[in-house]
């Protein structure tokens, strides 16, 4: 009898483990990514000191990653990284310095340009990465890709010409941030290989943050330390500074889960959607004026970016899926029976794309409502 009881216990099915829906990770990344940018813009506009703010973020990230490495499994990926002293000095330090320069430029630009225009300029980031890859010999030059990036450059140029409050200083800071980031990404391919290259954003931050923090302290001493008054910390609010650093750090945490739970296509489309949402929320909060020339330029740049990121075959496949989905919706409303068994035959988009679209619509509604509330309270 005892053996029968054991067999029954073994054969008894276990309840299925509950897993968080992928849309939660997508929405979390979009939320923290946009909130970080908007929060930083608001902090820098009202208080200044972008380099010191970046320095604070990196010091917080250094402490937080060390704590998480010792108390959680989020940084277990570092155990598979073959990190030696030579690799750290030869690769991590120079890459960390470039990362630091990119962060400083990205925050410095908020003093000169609107969030909407900054997002339009960021559409040129793949162009910088591709040109840098060609220069380093990582990729072979291609006429097709060259024409594609010319389209993106033309769109960004149109958006720049249409910017009413154009600042050359801000434009150069943003261009510098894009170039530093492009060189950093290519150097990761060149200097890091094998298991060492396979680092998620949180593990990367674990290694890069200390180097970046030291670099930013040096930059802050040479640029903003003379005009900085410790009383400004109390004026900004210690709680607000802590919250700002937590939000910036949570962006890296959400990136780790997003990479593990979604496909490359969904990540690309979500990233483009995120940029569009930032332009919308910038207009709602700061009353940013978008000219028709800017609108046209950004549309051209985004079209080129989508083609560059996912390719023509994926665009055609998505277009067909949208058509079938719309046709299926019409047939269900009109009462016409539909046929088929899979997603496309039943007039439905692929599950991952449906989740991204639902998340996008929900994010637009939430951000529009949030912008209206902030505008009502005079947050401008």
Protein backbone atom coordinates (compact mmCIF):
# COMPACT_ATOMS: atom_id res chain seq x y z
CA UNK A 1 0.00 0.00 0.00
CA UNK A 2 2.83 2.34 0.85
CA UNK A 3 4.39 1.77 -2.59
CA UNK A 4 1.01 2.45 -4.28
CA UNK A 5 0.71 5.72 -2.36
CA UNK A 6 4.17 6.74 -3.51
CA UNK A 7 3.31 5.93 -7.14
CA UNK A 8 0.09 7.96 -6.91
CA UNK A 9 2.03 10.91 -5.53
CA UNK A 10 4.56 10.66 -8.34
CA UNK A 11 1.89 10.40 -11.03
CA UNK A 12 -0.15 13.28 -9.60
CA UNK A 13 0.25 16.19 -12.02
CA UNK A 14 1.90 19.29 -10.63
CA UNK A 15 0.15 22.60 -11.03
CA UNK A 16 1.57 24.64 -13.89
CA UNK A 17 3.91 27.41 -12.85
CA UNK A 18 2.53 30.85 -13.43
CA UNK A 19 4.65 33.03 -15.66
CA UNK A 20 4.42 36.77 -16.14
CA UNK A 21 2.98 37.78 -19.51
CA UNK A 22 5.53 39.15 -21.98
CA UNK A 23 3.53 42.35 -22.38
CA UNK A 24 4.42 43.22 -18.77
CA UNK A 25 8.14 43.24 -19.62
CA UNK A 26 7.53 45.28 -22.78
CA UNK A 27 5.39 47.82 -20.93
CA UNK A 28 7.92 48.00 -18.07
CA UNK A 29 10.79 48.76 -20.44
CA UNK A 30 8.82 51.42 -22.32
CA UNK A 31 7.67 52.96 -19.02
CA UNK A 32 11.11 53.13 -17.37
CA UNK A 33 12.87 54.17 -20.58
CA UNK A 34 10.54 57.10 -21.21
CA UNK A 35 10.30 58.00 -17.53
CA UNK A 36 14.10 58.12 -17.22
CA UNK A 37 14.41 60.53 -20.15
CA UNK A 38 11.54 62.76 -18.99
CA UNK A 39 12.72 62.70 -15.37
CA UNK A 40 16.29 63.63 -16.38
CA UNK A 41 15.05 66.43 -18.64
CA UNK A 42 12.94 67.85 -15.82
CA UNK A 43 15.76 67.59 -13.26
CA UNK A 44 18.35 69.21 -15.55
CA UNK A 45 16.02 71.95 -16.78
CA UNK A 46 15.24 73.10 -13.26
CA UNK A 47 18.55 72.44 -11.51
CA UNK A 48 21.34 72.07 -14.08
CA UNK A 49 24.52 70.06 -13.43
CA UNK A 50 23.99 67.24 -15.98
CA UNK A 51 27.50 65.81 -15.43
CA UNK A 52 27.05 65.62 -11.65
CA UNK A 53 23.62 64.02 -12.14
CA UNK A 54 25.17 61.39 -14.45
CA UNK A 55 27.90 60.83 -11.90
CA UNK A 56 25.30 60.22 -9.19
CA UNK A 57 23.49 57.70 -11.40
CA UNK A 58 26.70 55.73 -11.96
CA UNK A 59 27.70 55.76 -8.29
CA UNK A 60 24.23 54.46 -7.41
CA UNK A 61 24.46 51.82 -10.18
CA UNK A 62 27.87 50.69 -8.87
CA UNK A 63 26.51 50.21 -5.36
CA UNK A 64 23.23 48.64 -6.53
CA UNK A 65 24.88 46.07 -8.84
CA UNK A 66 27.30 45.05 -6.08
CA UNK A 67 24.39 44.55 -3.67
CA UNK A 68 22.31 42.62 -6.23
CA UNK A 69 25.30 40.41 -7.11
CA UNK A 70 25.52 39.31 -3.47
CA UNK A 71 21.82 39.05 -2.62
CA UNK A 72 19.99 37.97 -5.80
CA UNK A 73 20.41 35.83 -8.94
CA UNK A 74 19.93 38.75 -11.35
CA UNK A 75 23.69 39.01 -11.91
CA UNK A 76 24.47 35.30 -12.08
CA UNK A 77 25.30 35.86 -15.75
CA UNK A 78 28.62 37.36 -14.66
CA UNK A 79 29.76 33.88 -13.61
CA UNK A 80 29.90 32.82 -17.26
CA UNK A 81 31.98 35.87 -18.21
CA UNK A 82 35.70 35.09 -18.42
CA UNK A 83 36.93 38.36 -16.94
CA UNK A 84 40.66 38.70 -16.34
CA UNK A 85 42.75 41.69 -15.32
CA UNK A 86 44.08 42.01 -18.86
CA UNK A 87 40.58 41.89 -20.37
CA UNK A 88 39.36 44.49 -17.88
CA UNK A 89 42.16 46.95 -18.67
CA UNK A 90 42.21 46.25 -22.41
CA UNK A 91 38.46 46.20 -23.06
CA UNK A 92 36.25 47.18 -20.12
CA UNK A 93 38.14 50.39 -19.25
CA UNK A 94 38.16 51.94 -22.78
CA UNK A 95 34.59 50.81 -23.45
CA UNK A 96 33.55 52.20 -20.07
CA UNK A 97 35.18 55.55 -20.88
CA UNK A 98 33.22 55.73 -24.14
CA UNK A 99 30.04 54.80 -22.28
CA UNK A 100 30.74 57.58 -19.79
CA UNK A 101 31.25 60.13 -22.57
CA UNK A 102 28.04 58.99 -24.25
CA UNK A 103 26.04 59.39 -21.02
CA UNK A 104 27.48 62.85 -20.32
CA UNK A 105 26.65 64.08 -23.83
CA UNK A 106 23.17 62.53 -23.67
CA UNK A 107 22.37 64.39 -20.44
CA UNK A 108 24.15 67.62 -21.41
CA UNK A 109 21.97 67.95 -24.51
CA UNK A 110 18.84 68.44 -22.36
CA UNK A 111 20.10 71.96 -21.59
CA UNK A 112 19.82 72.94 -25.23
CA UNK A 113 17.26 70.84 -27.13
CA UNK A 114 13.71 69.60 -26.65
CA UNK A 115 13.02 65.93 -25.91
CA UNK A 116 11.10 65.64 -29.19
CA UNK A 117 13.98 66.92 -31.31
CA UNK A 118 16.48 64.76 -29.40
CA UNK A 119 14.45 61.65 -30.29
CA UNK A 120 14.39 62.71 -33.93
CA UNK A 121 18.18 63.02 -33.94
CA UNK A 122 18.54 59.60 -32.28
CA UNK A 123 17.03 58.04 -35.40
CA UNK A 124 20.49 58.54 -36.94
CA UNK A 125 22.16 56.23 -34.38
CA UNK A 126 22.13 53.15 -36.69
CA UNK A 127 23.87 55.24 -39.33
CA UNK A 128 26.74 56.00 -36.95
CA UNK A 129 26.98 52.33 -35.92
CA UNK A 130 27.08 51.14 -39.54
CA UNK A 131 29.70 53.70 -40.63
CA UNK A 132 31.84 52.85 -37.59
CA UNK A 133 31.51 49.13 -38.41
CA UNK A 134 32.71 49.80 -41.94
CA UNK A 135 35.63 51.89 -40.65
CA UNK A 136 36.73 49.13 -38.22
CA UNK A 137 36.28 46.42 -40.86
CA UNK A 138 33.62 44.64 -38.80
CA UNK A 139 31.19 44.71 -41.75
CA UNK A 140 31.66 44.90 -45.50
CA UNK A 141 30.36 48.10 -47.18
CA UNK A 142 27.13 47.62 -49.11
CA UNK A 143 25.53 49.97 -51.64
CA UNK A 144 22.06 48.86 -50.56
CA UNK A 145 22.73 49.71 -46.93
CA UNK A 146 24.46 52.94 -47.90
CA UNK A 147 21.36 54.10 -49.79
CA UNK A 148 19.24 53.05 -46.81
CA UNK A 149 21.25 55.16 -44.36
CA UNK A 150 21.18 58.09 -46.79
CA UNK A 151 17.39 58.01 -46.46
CA UNK A 152 17.68 58.12 -42.65
CA UNK A 153 20.22 60.97 -42.83
CA UNK A 154 17.97 62.92 -45.23
CA UNK A 155 15.03 62.52 -42.83
CA UNK A 156 17.07 63.65 -39.81
CA UNK A 157 18.42 66.61 -41.83
CA UNK A 158 14.87 67.67 -42.74
CA UNK A 159 13.83 67.40 -39.10
CA UNK A 160 16.83 69.55 -38.12
CA UNK A 161 16.04 72.21 -40.69
CA UNK A 162 12.47 72.31 -39.43
CA UNK A 163 13.47 72.73 -35.75
CA UNK A 164 12.36 76.17 -34.55
CA UNK A 165 14.58 76.31 -31.44
CA UNK A 166 17.70 74.84 -33.04
CA UNK A 167 20.91 74.98 -31.00
CA UNK A 168 24.22 74.12 -32.64
CA UNK A 169 25.78 73.36 -29.23
CA UNK A 170 22.97 70.94 -28.37
CA UNK A 171 23.15 69.37 -31.83
CA UNK A 172 26.90 68.77 -31.43
CA UNK A 173 26.40 67.26 -27.96
CA UNK A 174 23.77 64.85 -29.34
CA UNK A 175 25.98 64.02 -32.30
CA UNK A 176 28.86 63.35 -29.91
CA UNK A 177 26.67 61.07 -27.79
CA UNK A 178 25.62 59.10 -30.87
CA UNK A 179 29.21 58.75 -32.12
CA UNK A 180 30.58 57.71 -28.69
CA UNK A 181 27.84 55.10 -28.35
CA UNK A 182 28.45 53.78 -31.89
CA UNK A 183 32.18 53.38 -31.25
CA UNK A 184 31.42 51.69 -27.92
CA UNK A 185 29.11 49.13 -29.55
CA UNK A 186 31.64 48.33 -32.27
CA UNK A 187 34.48 48.07 -29.74
CA UNK A 188 32.41 45.49 -27.83
CA UNK A 189 32.38 43.40 -31.02
CA UNK A 190 36.09 43.94 -31.66
CA UNK A 191 37.58 43.73 -28.16
CA UNK A 192 35.23 41.28 -26.48
CA UNK A 193 34.58 37.86 -27.94
CA UNK A 194 33.06 34.51 -27.00
CA UNK A 195 31.45 34.24 -23.57
CA UNK A 196 32.85 37.61 -22.50
CA UNK A 197 30.77 39.36 -25.15
CA UNK A 198 27.52 37.74 -24.00
CA UNK A 199 26.74 40.17 -21.20
CA UNK A 200 23.21 41.36 -20.53
CA UNK A 201 22.71 45.08 -19.71
CA UNK A 202 22.82 44.49 -15.95
CA UNK A 203 26.08 42.49 -16.05
CA UNK A 204 27.56 45.11 -18.38
CA UNK A 205 26.60 47.80 -15.89
CA UNK A 206 28.24 45.73 -13.12
CA UNK A 207 31.59 46.00 -14.92
CA UNK A 208 31.27 49.42 -16.58
CA UNK A 209 29.67 51.49 -13.81
CA UNK A 210 32.79 51.79 -11.56
CA UNK A 211 34.94 52.94 -14.50
CA UNK A 212 32.26 55.38 -15.67
CA UNK A 213 31.76 56.74 -12.14
CA UNK A 214 35.48 57.51 -11.77
CA UNK A 215 35.57 59.11 -15.23
CA UNK A 216 32.51 61.24 -14.46
CA UNK A 217 33.98 62.43 -11.15
CA UNK A 218 37.04 63.68 -13.05
CA UNK A 219 34.85 65.41 -15.68
CA UNK A 220 32.63 66.94 -12.97
CA UNK A 221 35.65 68.33 -11.11
CA UNK A 222 36.87 70.01 -14.28
CA UNK A 223 33.49 71.32 -15.47
CA UNK A 224 30.81 71.80 -12.82
CA UNK A 225 32.52 71.51 -9.42
CA UNK A 226 33.48 75.21 -9.24
CA UNK A 227 29.90 76.41 -9.65
CA UNK A 228 28.31 73.62 -7.61
CA UNK A 229 26.95 74.49 -4.17
CA UNK A 230 26.23 71.60 -1.75
CA UNK A 231 23.08 73.48 -0.76
CA UNK A 232 21.77 72.65 -4.25
CA UNK A 233 21.42 69.02 -3.12
CA UNK A 234 18.98 69.98 -0.40
CA UNK A 235 17.18 72.32 -2.81
CA UNK A 236 16.75 69.49 -5.34
CA UNK A 237 15.60 67.12 -2.58
CA UNK A 238 17.48 64.04 -1.41
CA UNK A 239 14.41 61.87 -1.91
CA UNK A 240 13.95 63.13 -5.47
CA UNK A 241 17.61 62.46 -6.31
CA UNK A 242 17.32 58.93 -4.90
CA UNK A 243 14.11 58.31 -6.87
CA UNK A 244 15.77 59.62 -10.04
CA UNK A 245 18.71 57.20 -9.62
CA UNK A 246 16.35 54.27 -8.89
CA UNK A 247 14.31 54.96 -12.03
CA UNK A 248 17.49 55.11 -14.16
CA UNK A 249 18.70 51.84 -12.63
CA UNK A 250 15.33 50.12 -13.12
CA UNK A 251 15.67 50.83 -16.83
CA UNK A 252 18.68 48.48 -16.91
CA UNK A 253 16.81 45.84 -14.89
CA UNK A 254 13.79 45.98 -17.22
CA UNK A 255 16.13 45.69 -20.23
CA UNK A 256 17.43 42.36 -18.92
CA UNK A 257 13.95 40.86 -18.73
CA UNK A 258 12.89 42.36 -22.07
CA UNK A 259 15.82 40.71 -23.87
CA UNK A 260 14.99 37.34 -22.37
CA UNK A 261 11.22 37.42 -22.95
CA UNK A 262 10.75 38.89 -26.44
CA UNK A 263 12.01 38.50 -29.98
CA UNK A 264 14.30 40.86 -31.86
CA UNK A 265 11.40 42.00 -34.08
CA UNK A 266 9.23 42.97 -31.11
CA UNK A 267 12.15 44.78 -29.46
CA UNK A 268 12.82 46.78 -32.63
CA UNK A 269 9.18 47.77 -33.10
CA UNK A 270 8.83 48.57 -29.39
CA UNK A 271 11.92 50.79 -29.52
CA UNK A 272 10.55 52.76 -32.46
CA UNK A 273 7.17 53.06 -30.74
CA UNK A 274 8.91 54.30 -27.58
CA UNK A 275 10.58 57.11 -29.50
CA UNK A 276 7.29 58.18 -31.04
CA UNK A 277 5.64 58.20 -27.61
CA UNK A 278 8.43 60.42 -26.27
CA UNK A 279 7.79 62.95 -29.02
CA UNK A 280 4.07 62.96 -28.15
CA UNK A 281 4.60 63.32 -24.40
CA UNK A 282 7.19 66.07 -24.98
CA UNK A 283 4.61 68.06 -26.91
CA UNK A 284 2.04 67.54 -24.13
CA UNK A 285 4.32 68.51 -21.22
CA UNK A 286 6.63 71.18 -22.65
CA UNK A 287 4.37 72.44 -25.48
CA UNK A 288 7.12 71.65 -27.98
CA UNK A 289 6.28 73.01 -31.41
CA UNK A 290 6.62 70.44 -34.20
CA UNK A 291 6.77 71.95 -37.69
CA UNK A 292 5.44 70.15 -40.75
CA UNK A 293 8.99 69.94 -42.08
CA UNK A 294 10.06 68.20 -38.86
CA UNK A 295 7.09 65.85 -39.07
CA UNK A 296 7.97 64.92 -42.65
CA UNK A 297 11.67 64.50 -41.85
CA UNK A 298 10.99 62.31 -38.81
CA UNK A 299 8.53 60.17 -40.82
CA UNK A 300 11.17 59.65 -43.52
CA UNK A 301 13.85 58.82 -40.94
CA UNK A 302 11.56 56.35 -39.14
CA UNK A 303 10.65 54.67 -42.43
CA UNK A 304 14.31 54.23 -43.25
CA UNK A 305 14.98 53.00 -39.70
CA UNK A 306 12.23 50.37 -39.88
CA UNK A 307 13.53 49.13 -43.23
CA UNK A 308 17.11 49.06 -41.91
CA UNK A 309 16.12 47.25 -38.69
CA UNK A 310 13.73 44.52 -39.88
CA UNK A 311 14.17 44.33 -43.66
CA UNK A 312 11.73 44.32 -46.55
CA UNK A 313 10.59 40.70 -46.09
CA UNK A 314 9.47 41.36 -42.51
CA UNK A 315 7.69 44.54 -43.58
CA UNK A 316 5.79 42.63 -46.28
CA UNK A 317 4.93 39.83 -43.83
CA UNK A 318 3.64 42.31 -41.24
CA UNK A 319 1.64 44.20 -43.87
CA UNK A 320 -0.01 40.97 -45.00
CA UNK A 321 -0.74 40.03 -41.40
CA UNK A 322 -2.35 43.42 -40.76
CA UNK A 323 -4.45 43.05 -43.92
CA UNK A 324 -5.61 39.58 -42.94
CA UNK A 325 -6.33 40.80 -39.41
CA UNK A 326 -8.41 43.73 -40.71
CA UNK A 327 -10.24 41.45 -43.15
CA UNK A 328 -11.02 38.99 -40.37
CA UNK A 329 -12.36 41.81 -38.20
CA UNK A 330 -14.61 43.00 -41.01
CA UNK A 331 -15.90 39.48 -41.62
CA UNK A 332 -16.67 39.00 -37.92
CA UNK A 333 -18.64 42.28 -37.84
CA UNK A 334 -20.51 41.61 -41.07
CA UNK A 335 -21.24 38.02 -40.08
CA UNK A 336 -19.31 36.48 -42.97
CA UNK A 337 -17.77 33.17 -41.87
CA UNK A 338 -13.98 32.93 -41.96
CA UNK A 339 -11.90 29.86 -42.67
CA UNK A 340 -8.53 28.61 -41.58
CA UNK A 341 -6.81 27.25 -38.57
CA UNK A 342 -3.67 29.24 -37.86
CA UNK A 343 -3.30 32.89 -36.85
CA UNK A 344 -3.09 34.30 -40.36
CA UNK A 345 -5.95 32.21 -41.73
CA UNK A 346 -8.15 33.27 -38.82
CA UNK A 347 -7.36 36.91 -39.49
CA UNK A 348 -5.13 37.37 -36.47
CA UNK A 349 -1.69 38.93 -36.10
CA UNK A 350 1.13 36.86 -34.61
CA UNK A 351 0.85 36.78 -30.83
CA UNK A 352 4.06 38.77 -30.23
CA UNK A 353 3.00 41.54 -32.62
CA UNK A 354 -0.49 41.67 -31.07
CA UNK A 355 1.07 42.13 -27.64
CA UNK A 356 3.31 44.92 -28.91
CA UNK A 357 0.38 46.71 -30.59
CA UNK A 358 -1.84 46.39 -27.50
CA UNK A 359 1.00 47.67 -25.34
CA UNK A 360 1.51 50.59 -27.73
CA UNK A 361 -2.12 51.68 -27.65
CA UNK A 362 -2.24 51.35 -23.87
CA UNK A 363 1.00 53.33 -23.48
CA UNK A 364 -0.30 56.12 -25.74
CA UNK A 365 -3.47 56.42 -23.66
CA UNK A 366 -1.58 56.38 -20.34
CA UNK A 367 1.03 58.91 -21.47
CA UNK A 368 -1.61 61.18 -22.98
CA UNK A 369 -3.56 61.16 -19.72
CA UNK A 370 -0.37 61.69 -17.68
CA UNK A 371 0.64 64.57 -19.93
CA UNK A 372 -2.77 66.17 -19.53
CA UNK A 373 -2.59 65.89 -15.75
CA UNK A 374 0.95 67.30 -15.60
CA UNK A 375 -0.05 70.12 -17.92
CA UNK A 376 -3.03 70.86 -15.69
CA UNK A 377 -0.74 71.16 -12.67
CA UNK A 378 1.60 73.46 -14.57
CA UNK A 379 4.59 71.14 -14.90
CA UNK A 380 6.29 73.04 -17.68
